[in-house]
Each structure stands twice: as C-alpha cells, then as structure tokens.
Amino acid sequence: MGKRFDLAIFTLSRPDDERKEDMEFQSDHAAMNETSIMMALHPELVHMENLPKDLNEWPLAVGGKDPRKYASAELGDKIINYHLERMEKILKDQLDKLS
C-alpha cells in the first residue's frame, strides 16, 4: 500500500514475483487478457473479425497472446473474480488495521 496526500492507494498490480500471467489485468495490450475482460464485461465492443491475419502488421499494437486463439468471456470472468477476491482481502485487512 502506498500513501500520497494522506490517502491510501491500492492497485491491482502485483510485484513481478507474485504475478500470475494469465490472471493479470494489465499484462498485455489488446491481447488475451484485455480482450477477455472486455468479452466478459462488454462483448458488443469486441470485434476480432477486424483484426488482420498477421498481428505483426503495422500499426496494430496487440502485445501478448493472440486474442483470436486465447481470449474468452470465461477467462475474463476468472480474471475479474480473481482480482475482486484479492482486493476484497487487501481492503478488509486494511480496515481491520484501522479498528
């Protein structure tokens, strides 16, 4: 936990030695994780049919596992629930310290 301006700041980011690559919110860019989260929350905004056959084609900026092969709403739900449970524990622990 960090403090700034007398506020407690909490983040979903984890230290590298605690990361679970397939379960992180910000471990890619427009690839498996971010696409999965969008598929779970707002599937109407996901249009993978617009991706070119070659993900290395410039100026496309997909960084991570190919969302066409690996992304799913189910994985998005798992990522979201993993972090909800994780943050719930962190926040409860901090509240307990204030009591």
PDB file of N, CA and C in Angstrom:
ATOM      1  N   MET A   1       0.851  -1.180   0.000  1.00  0.00           N
ATOM      2  CA  MET A   1       0.000   0.000   0.000  1.00  0.00           C
ATOM      3  C   MET A   1       0.886   1.229   0.000  1.00  0.00           C
ATOM      4  N   GLY A   2       0.550   2.188  -0.823  1.00  0.00           N
ATOM      5  CA  GLY A   2       1.273   3.448  -0.844  1.00  0.00           C
ATOM      6  C   GLY A   2       0.393   4.552  -0.299  1.00  0.00           C
ATOM      7  N   LYS A   3       0.994   5.618   0.166  1.00  0.00           N
ATOM      8  CA  LYS A   3       0.217   6.756   0.661  1.00  0.00           C
ATOM      9  C   LYS A   3       0.678   8.011  -0.056  1.00  0.00           C
ATOM     10  N   ARG A   4      -0.280   8.847  -0.388  1.00  0.00           N
ATOM     11  CA  ARG A   4       0.018  10.114  -1.029  1.00  0.00           C
ATOM     12  C   ARG A   4      -1.117  11.057  -0.668  1.00  0.00           C
ATOM     13  N   PHE A   5      -0.771  12.256  -0.280  1.00  0.00           N
ATOM     14  CA  PHE A   5      -1.769  13.252   0.097  1.00  0.00           C
ATOM     15  C   PHE A   5      -2.700  12.731   1.187  1.00  0.00           C
ATOM     16  N   ASP A   6      -2.162  11.925   2.075  1.00  0.00           N
ATOM     17  CA  ASP A   6      -2.927  11.367   3.184  1.00  0.00           C
ATOM     18  C   ASP A   6      -4.056  10.441   2.720  1.00  0.00           C
ATOM     19  N   LEU A   7      -3.880   9.852   1.565  1.00  0.00           N
ATOM     20  CA  LEU A   7      -4.852   8.894   1.033  1.00  0.00           C
ATOM     21  C   LEU A   7      -4.170   7.545   0.869  1.00  0.00           C
ATOM     22  N   ALA A   8      -4.876   6.493   1.147  1.00  0.00           N
ATOM     23  CA  ALA A   8      -4.362   5.155   0.874  1.00  0.00           C
ATOM     24  C   ALA A   8      -4.629   4.845  -0.593  1.00  0.00           C
ATOM     25  N   ILE A   9      -3.626   4.301  -1.263  1.00  0.00           N
ATOM     26  CA  ILE A   9      -3.742   3.972  -2.684  1.00  0.00           C
ATOM     27  C   ILE A   9      -3.581   2.462  -2.839  1.00  0.00           C
ATOM     28  N   PHE A  10      -4.523   1.841  -3.509  1.00  0.00           N
ATOM     29  CA  PHE A  10      -4.479   0.399  -3.741  1.00  0.00           C
ATOM     30  C   PHE A  10      -4.496   0.160  -5.243  1.00  0.00           C
ATOM     31  N   THR A  11      -3.802  -0.866  -5.680  1.00  0.00           N
ATOM     32  CA  THR A  11      -3.712  -1.152  -7.106  1.00  0.00           C
ATOM     33  C   THR A  11      -3.880  -2.647  -7.366  1.00  0.00           C
ATOM     34  N   LEU A  12      -4.285  -2.963  -8.570  1.00  0.00           N
ATOM     35  CA  LEU A  12      -4.391  -4.366  -8.963  1.00  0.00           C
ATOM     36  C   LEU A  12      -3.041  -4.942  -9.346  1.00  0.00           C
ATOM     37  N   SER A  13      -2.061  -4.074  -9.581  1.00  0.00           N
ATOM     38  CA  SER A  13      -0.734  -4.538  -9.981  1.00  0.00           C
ATOM     39  C   SER A  13      -0.100  -5.350  -8.867  1.00  0.00           C
ATOM     40  N   ARG A  14       0.662  -6.326  -9.266  1.00  0.00           N
ATOM     41  CA  ARG A  14       1.354  -7.179  -8.303  1.00  0.00           C
ATOM     42  C   ARG A  14       2.845  -7.131  -8.609  1.00  0.00           C
ATOM     43  N   PRO A  15       3.680  -7.330  -7.589  1.00  0.00           N
ATOM     44  CA  PRO A  15       5.123  -7.427  -7.859  1.00  0.00           C
ATOM     45  C   PRO A  15       5.391  -8.575  -8.824  1.00  0.00           C
ATOM     46  N   ASP A  16       6.434  -8.462  -9.613  1.00  0.00           N
ATOM     47  CA  ASP A  16       6.741  -9.493 -10.613  1.00  0.00           C
ATOM     48  C   ASP A  16       6.817 -10.894 -10.024  1.00  0.00           C
ATOM     49  N   ASP A  17       7.332 -11.028  -8.812  1.00  0.00           N
ATOM     50  CA  ASP A  17       7.473 -12.358  -8.231  1.00  0.00           C
ATOM     51  C   ASP A  17       6.145 -12.945  -7.744  1.00  0.00           C
ATOM     52  N   GLU A  18       5.069 -12.152  -7.763  1.00  0.00           N
ATOM     53  CA  GLU A  18       3.746 -12.640  -7.350  1.00  0.00           C
ATOM     54  C   GLU A  18       2.761 -12.708  -8.519  1.00  0.00           C
ATOM     55  N   ARG A  19       3.207 -12.362  -9.712  1.00  0.00           N
ATOM     56  CA  ARG A  19       2.292 -12.276 -10.853  1.00  0.00           C
ATOM     57  C   ARG A  19       1.847 -13.656 -11.315  1.00  0.00           C
ATOM     58  N   LYS A  20       0.588 -13.706 -11.747  1.00  0.00           N
ATOM     59  CA  LYS A  20       0.046 -14.891 -12.393  1.00  0.00           C
ATOM     60  C   LYS A  20      -0.325 -14.415 -13.795  1.00  0.00           C
ATOM     61  N   GLU A  21       0.562 -14.625 -14.740  1.00  0.00           N
ATOM     62  CA  GLU A  21       0.473 -14.001 -16.064  1.00  0.00           C
ATOM     63  C   GLU A  21      -0.916 -14.054 -16.683  1.00  0.00           C
ATOM     64  N   ASP A  22      -1.558 -15.197 -16.652  1.00  0.00           N
ATOM     65  CA  ASP A  22      -2.860 -15.316 -17.300  1.00  0.00           C
ATOM     66  C   ASP A  22      -3.993 -14.692 -16.487  1.00  0.00           C
ATOM     67  N   MET A  23      -3.693 -14.226 -15.284  1.00  0.00           N
ATOM     68  CA  MET A  23      -4.737 -13.663 -14.430  1.00  0.00           C
ATOM     69  C   MET A  23      -4.545 -12.173 -14.150  1.00  0.00           C
ATOM     70  N   GLU A  24      -3.608 -11.530 -14.801  1.00  0.00           N
ATOM     71  CA  GLU A  24      -3.339 -10.116 -14.536  1.00  0.00           C
ATOM     72  C   GLU A  24      -4.209  -9.228 -15.419  1.00  0.00           C
ATOM     73  N   PHE A  25      -4.561  -8.059 -14.889  1.00  0.00           N
ATOM     74  CA  PHE A  25      -5.345  -7.095 -15.647  1.00  0.00           C
ATOM     75  C   PHE A  25      -4.507  -6.433 -16.730  1.00  0.00           C
ATOM     76  N   GLN A  26      -3.319  -6.023 -16.397  1.00  0.00           N
ATOM     77  CA  GLN A  26      -2.522  -5.244 -17.331  1.00  0.00           C
ATOM     78  C   GLN A  26      -1.234  -5.973 -17.702  1.00  0.00           C
ATOM     79  N   SER A  27      -1.373  -7.165 -18.201  1.00  0.00           N
ATOM     80  CA  SER A  27      -0.176  -7.911 -18.597  1.00  0.00           C
ATOM     81  C   SER A  27      -0.021  -7.961 -20.112  1.00  0.00           C
ATOM     82  N   ASP A  28      -0.965  -7.379 -20.830  1.00  0.00           N
ATOM     83  CA  ASP A  28      -0.858  -7.336 -22.279  1.00  0.00           C
ATOM     84  C   ASP A  28      -1.528  -6.063 -22.792  1.00  0.00           C
ATOM     85  N   HIS A  29      -1.544  -5.918 -24.091  1.00  0.00           N
ATOM     86  CA  HIS A  29      -2.232  -4.764 -24.685  1.00  0.00           C
ATOM     87  C   HIS A  29      -3.092  -5.262 -25.839  1.00  0.00           C
ATOM     88  N   ALA A  30      -4.399  -5.211 -25.643  1.00  0.00           N
ATOM     89  CA  ALA A  30      -5.361  -5.638 -26.662  1.00  0.00           C
ATOM     90  C   ALA A  30      -5.176  -7.103 -27.051  1.00  0.00           C
ATOM     91  N   ALA A  31      -4.647  -7.894 -26.139  1.00  0.00           N
ATOM     92  CA  ALA A  31      -4.410  -9.305 -26.421  1.00  0.00           C
ATOM     93  C   ALA A  31      -5.330 -10.167 -25.543  1.00  0.00           C
ATOM     94  N   MET A  32      -4.871 -11.337 -25.151  1.00  0.00           N
ATOM     95  CA  MET A  32      -5.712 -12.304 -24.454  1.00  0.00           C
ATOM     96  C   MET A  32      -6.418 -11.727 -23.221  1.00  0.00           C
ATOM     97  N   ASN A  33      -5.651 -11.110 -22.304  1.00  0.00           N
ATOM     98  CA  ASN A  33      -6.246 -10.656 -21.042  1.00  0.00           C
ATOM     99  C   ASN A  33      -7.230  -9.521 -21.239  1.00  0.00           C
ATOM    100  N   GLU A  34      -6.793  -8.432 -21.846  1.00  0.00           N
ATOM    101  CA  GLU A  34      -7.686  -7.281 -22.011  1.00  0.00           C
ATOM    102  C   GLU A  34      -8.906  -7.639 -22.854  1.00  0.00           C
ATOM    103  N   THR A  35      -8.709  -8.427 -23.886  1.00  0.00           N
ATOM    104  CA  THR A  35      -9.837  -8.826 -24.725  1.00  0.00           C
ATOM    105  C   THR A  35     -10.806  -9.711 -23.945  1.00  0.00           C
ATOM    106  N   SER A  36     -10.274 -10.620 -23.143  1.00  0.00           N
ATOM    107  CA  SER A  36     -11.130 -11.490 -22.330  1.00  0.00           C
ATOM    108  C   SER A  36     -11.969 -10.677 -21.354  1.00  0.00           C
ATOM    109  N   ILE A  37     -11.356  -9.684 -20.721  1.00  0.00           N
ATOM    110  CA  ILE A  37     -12.089  -8.835 -19.780  1.00  0.00           C
ATOM    111  C   ILE A  37     -13.203  -8.092 -20.516  1.00  0.00           C
ATOM    112  N   MET A  38     -12.907  -7.554 -21.693  1.00  0.00           N
ATOM    113  CA  MET A  38     -13.938  -6.860 -22.470  1.00  0.00           C
ATOM    114  C   MET A  38     -15.026  -7.818 -22.939  1.00  0.00           C
ATOM    115  N   MET A  39     -14.653  -9.036 -23.281  1.00  0.00           N
ATOM    116  CA  MET A  39     -15.647 -10.030 -23.695  1.00  0.00           C
ATOM    117  C   MET A  39     -16.596 -10.346 -22.544  1.00  0.00           C
ATOM    118  N   ALA A  40     -16.071 -10.326 -21.311  1.00  0.00           N
ATOM    119  CA  ALA A  40     -16.909 -10.605 -20.143  1.00  0.00           C
ATOM    120  C   ALA A  40     -17.794  -9.414 -19.790  1.00  0.00           C
ATOM    121  N   LEU A  41     -17.258  -8.203 -19.916  1.00  0.00           N
ATOM    122  CA  LEU A  41     -17.991  -7.014 -19.486  1.00  0.00           C
ATOM    123  C   LEU A  41     -18.837  -6.369 -20.584  1.00  0.00           C
ATOM    124  N   HIS A  42     -18.274  -6.257 -21.777  1.00  0.00           N
ATOM    125  CA  HIS A  42     -18.959  -5.581 -22.893  1.00  0.00           C
ATOM    126  C   HIS A  42     -18.657  -6.300 -24.215  1.00  0.00           C
ATOM    127  N   PRO A  43     -19.197  -7.498 -24.393  1.00  0.00           N
ATOM    128  CA  PRO A  43     -18.876  -8.272 -25.603  1.00  0.00           C
ATOM    129  C   PRO A  43     -19.249  -7.552 -26.901  1.00  0.00           C
ATOM    130  N   GLU A  44     -20.218  -6.653 -26.822  1.00  0.00           N
ATOM    131  CA  GLU A  44     -20.625  -5.926 -28.033  1.00  0.00           C
ATOM    132  C   GLU A  44     -19.535  -4.985 -28.549  1.00  0.00           C
ATOM    133  N   LEU A  45     -18.526  -4.717 -27.736  1.00  0.00           N
ATOM    134  CA  LEU A  45     -17.428  -3.840 -28.150  1.00  0.00           C
ATOM    135  C   LEU A  45     -16.238  -4.602 -28.731  1.00  0.00           C
ATOM    136  N   VAL A  46     -16.289  -5.922 -28.673  1.00  0.00           N
ATOM    137  CA  VAL A  46     -15.184  -6.745 -29.164  1.00  0.00           C
ATOM    138  C   VAL A  46     -15.477  -7.157 -30.606  1.00  0.00           C
ATOM    139  N   HIS A  47     -14.582  -6.776 -31.509  1.00  0.00           N
ATOM    140  CA  HIS A  47     -14.750  -7.082 -32.948  1.00  0.00           C
ATOM    141  C   HIS A  47     -13.466  -7.704 -33.487  1.00  0.00           C
ATOM    142  N   MET A  48     -13.208  -8.924 -33.072  1.00  0.00           N
ATOM    143  CA  MET A  48     -11.966  -9.578 -33.505  1.00  0.00           C
ATOM    144  C   MET A  48     -11.937  -9.850 -35.001  1.00  0.00           C
ATOM    145  N   GLU A  49     -13.098  -9.819 -35.638  1.00  0.00           N
ATOM    146  CA  GLU A  49     -13.116 -10.012 -37.091  1.00  0.00           C
ATOM    147  C   GLU A  49     -12.388  -8.878 -37.805  1.00  0.00           C
ATOM    148  N   ASN A  50     -12.154  -7.767 -37.117  1.00  0.00           N
ATOM    149  CA  ASN A  50     -11.437  -6.639 -37.717  1.00  0.00           C
ATOM    150  C   ASN A  50      -9.924  -6.768 -37.616  1.00  0.00           C
ATOM    151  N   LEU A  51      -9.451  -7.777 -36.896  1.00  0.00           N
ATOM    152  CA  LEU A  51      -8.001  -7.975 -36.796  1.00  0.00           C
ATOM    153  C   LEU A  51      -7.464  -8.543 -38.100  1.00  0.00           C
ATOM    154  N   PRO A  52      -6.288  -8.094 -38.519  1.00  0.00           N
ATOM    155  CA  PRO A  52      -5.679  -8.667 -39.733  1.00  0.00           C
ATOM    156  C   PRO A  52      -5.183 -10.082 -39.452  1.00  0.00           C
ATOM    157  N   LYS A  53      -4.925 -10.816 -40.514  1.00  0.00           N
ATOM    158  CA  LYS A  53      -4.418 -12.183 -40.353  1.00  0.00           C
ATOM    159  C   LYS A  53      -3.066 -12.193 -39.660  1.00  0.00           C
ATOM    160  N   ASP A  54      -2.250 -11.176 -39.912  1.00  0.00           N
ATOM    161  CA  ASP A  54      -0.923 -11.072 -39.314  1.00  0.00           C
ATOM    162  C   ASP A  54      -0.957 -10.009 -38.223  1.00  0.00           C
ATOM    163  N   LEU A  55      -0.862 -10.440 -36.969  1.00  0.00           N
ATOM    164  CA  LEU A  55      -0.927  -9.493 -35.855  1.00  0.00           C
ATOM    165  C   LEU A  55       0.307  -8.597 -35.773  1.00  0.00           C
ATOM    166  N   ASN A  56       1.328  -8.881 -36.549  1.00  0.00           N
ATOM    167  CA  ASN A  56       2.513  -8.023 -36.569  1.00  0.00           C
ATOM    168  C   ASN A  56       2.380  -6.895 -37.588  1.00  0.00           C
ATOM    169  N   GLU A  57       1.271  -6.872 -38.294  1.00  0.00           N
ATOM    170  CA  GLU A  57       1.040  -5.852 -39.316  1.00  0.00           C
ATOM    171  C   GLU A  57       0.934  -4.469 -38.667  1.00  0.00           C
ATOM    172  N   TRP A  58       1.764  -3.548 -39.127  1.00  0.00           N
ATOM    173  CA  TRP A  58       1.769  -2.184 -38.582  1.00  0.00           C
ATOM    174  C   TRP A  58       0.523  -1.473 -39.048  1.00  0.00           C
ATOM    175  N   PRO A  59      -0.150  -0.625 -38.282  1.00  0.00           N
ATOM    176  CA  PRO A  59       0.199  -0.089 -36.967  1.00  0.00           C
ATOM    177  C   PRO A  59      -0.469  -0.828 -35.820  1.00  0.00           C
ATOM    178  N   LEU A  60      -0.958  -2.024 -36.044  1.00  0.00           N
ATOM    179  CA  LEU A  60      -1.632  -2.779 -34.997  1.00  0.00           C
ATOM    180  C   LEU A  60      -0.736  -2.922 -33.774  1.00  0.00           C
ATOM    181  N   ALA A  61      -1.300  -2.762 -32.607  1.00  0.00           N
ATOM    182  CA  ALA A  61      -0.496  -2.764 -31.379  1.00  0.00           C
ATOM    183  C   ALA A  61      -0.982  -3.818 -30.397  1.00  0.00           C
ATOM    184  N   VAL A  62      -1.154  -5.041 -30.858  1.00  0.00           N
ATOM    185  CA  VAL A  62      -1.526  -6.126 -29.959  1.00  0.00           C
ATOM    186  C   VAL A  62      -0.241  -6.645 -29.331  1.00  0.00           C
ATOM    187  N   GLY A  63      -0.186  -6.616 -28.002  1.00  0.00           N
ATOM    188  CA  GLY A  63       1.008  -7.082 -27.304  1.00  0.00           C
ATOM    189  C   GLY A  63       0.649  -8.167 -26.316  1.00  0.00           C
ATOM    190  N   GLY A  64       0.918  -9.398 -26.665  1.00  0.00           N
ATOM    191  CA  GLY A  64       0.585 -10.525 -25.790  1.00  0.00           C
ATOM    192  C   GLY A  64       0.054 -11.681 -26.611  1.00  0.00           C
ATOM    193  N   LYS A  65      -0.601 -12.612 -25.940  1.00  0.00           N
ATOM    194  CA  LYS A  65      -1.129 -13.801 -26.611  1.00  0.00           C
ATOM    195  C   LYS A  65      -2.268 -13.415 -27.554  1.00  0.00           C
ATOM    196  N   ASP A  66      -2.283 -14.035 -28.707  1.00  0.00           N
ATOM    197  CA  ASP A  66      -3.269 -13.763 -29.753  1.00  0.00           C
ATOM    198  C   ASP A  66      -4.691 -13.917 -29.202  1.00  0.00           C
ATOM    199  N   PRO A  67      -5.460 -12.821 -29.161  1.00  0.00           N
ATOM    200  CA  PRO A  67      -6.813 -12.904 -28.598  1.00  0.00           C
ATOM    201  C   PRO A  67      -7.744 -13.809 -29.397  1.00  0.00           C
ATOM    202  N   ARG A  68      -7.472 -13.981 -30.686  1.00  0.00           N
ATOM    203  CA  ARG A  68      -8.328 -14.835 -31.509  1.00  0.00           C
ATOM    204  C   ARG A  68      -8.234 -16.293 -31.078  1.00  0.00           C
ATOM    205  N   LYS A  69      -7.089 -16.678 -30.523  1.00  0.00           N
ATOM    206  CA  LYS A  69      -6.876 -18.059 -30.087  1.00  0.00           C
ATOM    207  C   LYS A  69      -7.144 -18.262 -28.606  1.00  0.00           C
ATOM    208  N   TYR A  70      -6.817 -17.249 -27.787  1.00  0.00           N
ATOM    209  CA  TYR A  70      -6.781 -17.466 -26.342  1.00  0.00           C
ATOM    210  C   TYR A  70      -7.817 -16.695 -25.527  1.00  0.00           C
ATOM    211  N   ALA A  71      -8.438 -15.667 -26.074  1.00  0.00           N
ATOM    212  CA  ALA A  71      -9.380 -14.846 -25.303  1.00  0.00           C
ATOM    213  C   ALA A  71     -10.750 -15.511 -25.230  1.00  0.00           C
ATOM    214  N   SER A  72     -11.411 -15.299 -24.082  1.00  0.00           N
ATOM    215  CA  SER A  72     -12.786 -15.780 -23.921  1.00  0.00           C
ATOM    216  C   SER A  72     -13.455 -15.008 -22.800  1.00  0.00           C
ATOM    217  N   ALA A  73     -14.769 -14.958 -22.841  1.00  0.00           N
ATOM    218  CA  ALA A  73     -15.530 -14.328 -21.758  1.00  0.00           C
ATOM    219  C   ALA A  73     -15.319 -15.096 -20.455  1.00  0.00           C
ATOM    220  N   GLU A  74     -15.165 -16.413 -20.532  1.00  0.00           N
ATOM    221  CA  GLU A  74     -14.937 -17.223 -19.337  1.00  0.00           C
ATOM    222  C   GLU A  74     -13.622 -16.830 -18.656  1.00  0.00           C
ATOM    223  N   LEU A  75     -12.570 -16.641 -19.453  1.00  0.00           N
ATOM    224  CA  LEU A  75     -11.295 -16.208 -18.882  1.00  0.00           C
ATOM    225  C   LEU A  75     -11.444 -14.805 -18.297  1.00  0.00           C
ATOM    226  N   GLY A  76     -12.167 -13.926 -18.977  1.00  0.00           N
ATOM    227  CA  GLY A  76     -12.417 -12.590 -18.451  1.00  0.00           C
ATOM    228  C   GLY A  76     -13.105 -12.637 -17.103  1.00  0.00           C
ATOM    229  N   ASP A  77     -14.108 -13.498 -16.972  1.00  0.00           N
ATOM    230  CA  ASP A  77     -14.796 -13.664 -15.676  1.00  0.00           C
ATOM    231  C   ASP A  77     -13.830 -14.157 -14.600  1.00  0.00           C
ATOM    232  N   LYS A  78     -12.956 -15.103 -14.958  1.00  0.00           N
ATOM    233  CA  LYS A  78     -11.984 -15.623 -13.987  1.00  0.00           C
ATOM    234  C   LYS A  78     -11.032 -14.523 -13.524  1.00  0.00           C
ATOM    235  N   ILE A  79     -10.555 -13.709 -14.465  1.00  0.00           N
ATOM    236  CA  ILE A  79      -9.631 -12.618 -14.134  1.00  0.00           C
ATOM    237  C   ILE A  79     -10.325 -11.616 -13.210  1.00  0.00           C
ATOM    238  N   ILE A  80     -11.537 -11.223 -13.568  1.00  0.00           N
ATOM    239  CA  ILE A  80     -12.295 -10.251 -12.767  1.00  0.00           C
ATOM    240  C   ILE A  80     -12.540 -10.791 -11.363  1.00  0.00           C
ATOM    241  N   ASN A  81     -13.014 -12.024 -11.257  1.00  0.00           N
ATOM    242  CA  ASN A  81     -13.303 -12.609  -9.938  1.00  0.00           C
ATOM    243  C   ASN A  81     -12.042 -12.800  -9.111  1.00  0.00           C
ATOM    244  N   TYR A  82     -10.947 -13.184  -9.745  1.00  0.00           N
ATOM    245  CA  TYR A  82      -9.659 -13.331  -9.058  1.00  0.00           C
ATOM    246  C   TYR A  82      -9.274 -12.010  -8.393  1.00  0.00           C
ATOM    247  N   HIS A  83      -9.378 -10.910  -9.123  1.00  0.00           N
ATOM    248  CA  HIS A  83      -8.977  -9.618  -8.579  1.00  0.00           C
ATOM    249  C   HIS A  83     -10.002  -9.043  -7.599  1.00  0.00           C
ATOM    250  N   LEU A  84     -11.265  -9.340  -7.796  1.00  0.00           N
ATOM    251  CA  LEU A  84     -12.261  -8.917  -6.802  1.00  0.00           C
ATOM    252  C   LEU A  84     -11.986  -9.577  -5.456  1.00  0.00           C
ATOM    253  N   GLU A  85     -11.734 -10.875  -5.471  1.00  0.00           N
ATOM    254  CA  GLU A  85     -11.436 -11.592  -4.227  1.00  0.00           C
ATOM    255  C   GLU A  85     -10.135 -11.093  -3.611  1.00  0.00           C
ATOM    256  N   ARG A  86      -9.133 -10.877  -4.444  1.00  0.00           N
ATOM    257  CA  ARG A  86      -7.842 -10.400  -3.970  1.00  0.00           C
ATOM    258  C   ARG A  86      -7.961  -9.019  -3.331  1.00  0.00           C
ATOM    259  N   MET A  87      -8.657  -8.100  -4.013  1.00  0.00           N
ATOM    260  CA  MET A  87      -8.802  -6.745  -3.481  1.00  0.00           C
ATOM    261  C   MET A  87      -9.697  -6.733  -2.244  1.00  0.00           C
ATOM    262  N   GLU A  88     -10.699  -7.598  -2.200  1.00  0.00           N
ATOM    263  CA  GLU A  88     -11.551  -7.681  -1.014  1.00  0.00           C
ATOM    264  C   GLU A  88     -10.705  -8.027   0.214  1.00  0.00           C
ATOM    265  N   LYS A  89      -9.814  -8.989   0.058  1.00  0.00           N
ATOM    266  CA  LYS A  89      -8.938  -9.383   1.175  1.00  0.00           C
ATOM    267  C   LYS A  89      -8.022  -8.225   1.567  1.00  0.00           C
ATOM    268  N   ILE A  90      -7.401  -7.583   0.591  1.00  0.00           N
ATOM    269  CA  ILE A  90      -6.497  -6.462   0.879  1.00  0.00           C
ATOM    270  C   ILE A  90      -7.236  -5.350   1.619  1.00  0.00           C
ATOM    271  N   LEU A  91      -8.413  -4.996   1.139  1.00  0.00           N
ATOM    272  CA  LEU A  91      -9.171  -3.906   1.759  1.00  0.00           C
ATOM    273  C   LEU A  91      -9.665  -4.284   3.150  1.00  0.00           C
ATOM    274  N   LYS A  92     -10.119  -5.514   3.325  1.00  0.00           N
ATOM    275  CA  LYS A  92     -10.554  -5.952   4.663  1.00  0.00           C
ATOM    276  C   LYS A  92      -9.395  -5.931   5.639  1.00  0.00           C
ATOM    277  N   ASP A  93      -8.216  -6.407   5.193  1.00  0.00           N
ATOM    278  CA  ASP A  93      -7.037  -6.373   6.053  1.00  0.00           C
ATOM    279  C   ASP A  93      -6.698  -4.947   6.477  1.00  0.00           C
ATOM    280  N   GLN A  94      -6.804  -4.009   5.551  1.00  0.00           N
ATOM    281  CA  GLN A  94      -6.503  -2.614   5.873  1.00  0.00           C
ATOM    282  C   GLN A  94      -7.540  -2.028   6.825  1.00  0.00           C
ATOM    283  N   LEU A  95      -8.810  -2.367   6.620  1.00  0.00           N
ATOM    284  CA  LEU A  95      -9.849  -1.893   7.531  1.00  0.00           C
ATOM    285  C   LEU A  95      -9.667  -2.453   8.931  1.00  0.00           C
ATOM    286  N   ASP A  96      -9.264  -3.730   9.010  1.00  0.00           N
ATOM    287  CA  ASP A  96      -9.014  -4.350  10.316  1.00  0.00           C
ATOM    288  C   ASP A  96      -7.885  -3.629  11.058  1.00  0.00           C
ATOM    289  N   LYS A  97      -6.891  -3.152  10.332  1.00  0.00           N
ATOM    290  CA  LYS A  97      -5.784  -2.432  10.954  1.00  0.00           C
ATOM    291  C   LYS A  97      -6.230  -1.092  11.528  1.00  0.00           C
ATOM    292  N   LEU A  98      -7.298  -0.523  10.960  1.00  0.00           N
ATOM    293  CA  LEU A  98      -7.804   0.760  11.437  1.00  0.00           C
ATOM    294  C   LEU A  98      -8.661   0.603  12.691  1.00  0.00           C
ATOM    295  N   SER A  99      -9.162  -0.610  12.918  1.00  0.00           N
ATOM    296  CA  SER A  99     -10.054  -0.865  14.069  1.00  0.00           C
ATOM    297  C   SER A  99      -9.295  -0.925  15.373  1.00  0.00           C
TER     298      SER A  99
END
